[in-house]
Amino acid sequence: MRKKNTLFIGKVFHEFPSLPSTNLYAAELLSKSKPSEGTVISAVHQTAGRGQIGSSWEAEAGQNLTLSVILYPSFLPVHRQFLLNQAVALSVKDFITRYTEKPVKVKWPNDIYIGEEKVAGILIQTSLNQKGFQNCIVGVGINVNQRVFSPLLPNPTSLHLATGRSYELPSLIEDYCLFLEQRYLQLKGGQWQAIGEEYLRHLYRMGKKTRFERTEGEQFTGEIAGIGASGQLLIRHGGTEEAFHLKEIKMLLPAGKKRLE
């Protein structure tokens, strides 16, 4: 990066023309050494990016941000690790909000939406030992200048499609690193309640009647009521409140629109 306005995130910066996965490269670094906290791995083209639970992440070469950041959140109890997800999701929300006046929301657990369309995704991989967190890899993919997406993707968008402008990727990386550092320091400073409350304020479809589908195919209408202590999505329906883990539930759009995976 040309500028280094952060304290530690991005001070060590590895950029590659192409990588299968920035998260995979970060994991390889960690297997051989202990990189400085805040080390960033960025790729102009990521050929085999991953999303949550093995789903893929499509990114056109040279058009988007695909990066991973190595962190050591040893201050965070393992049972509260979803707070890290919340802080990272808010950092991406903060970043996107800087460039558009359109509503920006966090779709549980780690997708970022502009309106009804997905602009970014997050994949956080953690390693634990007997004392707690050993290390953490924060993978972020943000659609920036891409204009055309695969028809197989449910509802993609990009900053360019949302704003009509094109962006210089190096300066955006600098901006995002600063937003991530601010949220990480907020987490490290123990402002857990503020992070949780802000995550809920920006949670997509919070408190709105929404159609859901269980993994076995059963559909029902409910309202997102909050987030459980372990990061479960709490849905109120039929006079009760039920908690769902990742991939146990799908959110459906009204008839004629695509499913939100």
Foldseek 3Di string as FASTA:
>chain_A
DPDDPDPAAPPAEAEEQEDQAQLVVVVVVVVPDDDGFNYKYWYQYHNFDAAPPGHTDDDDGNFWTKMKGKHFPLVDAQLQCLLLQLLLLVLVQVLLVVLDVAQWFAEPPFFIDRPPATFKGWDKDFDADPSGTPMIMIIIIGGAGDDDDDPVDQGHDHSCRRRVDHDDVVVSVSSSSRSSSVSVVCVVVVVSVVSQVVNLVRYPQAQHWFWKAFPVGDIDIWHFDGADSNGWTWTDDPNDIDTHDPPGMWTQDPPPGGTDD
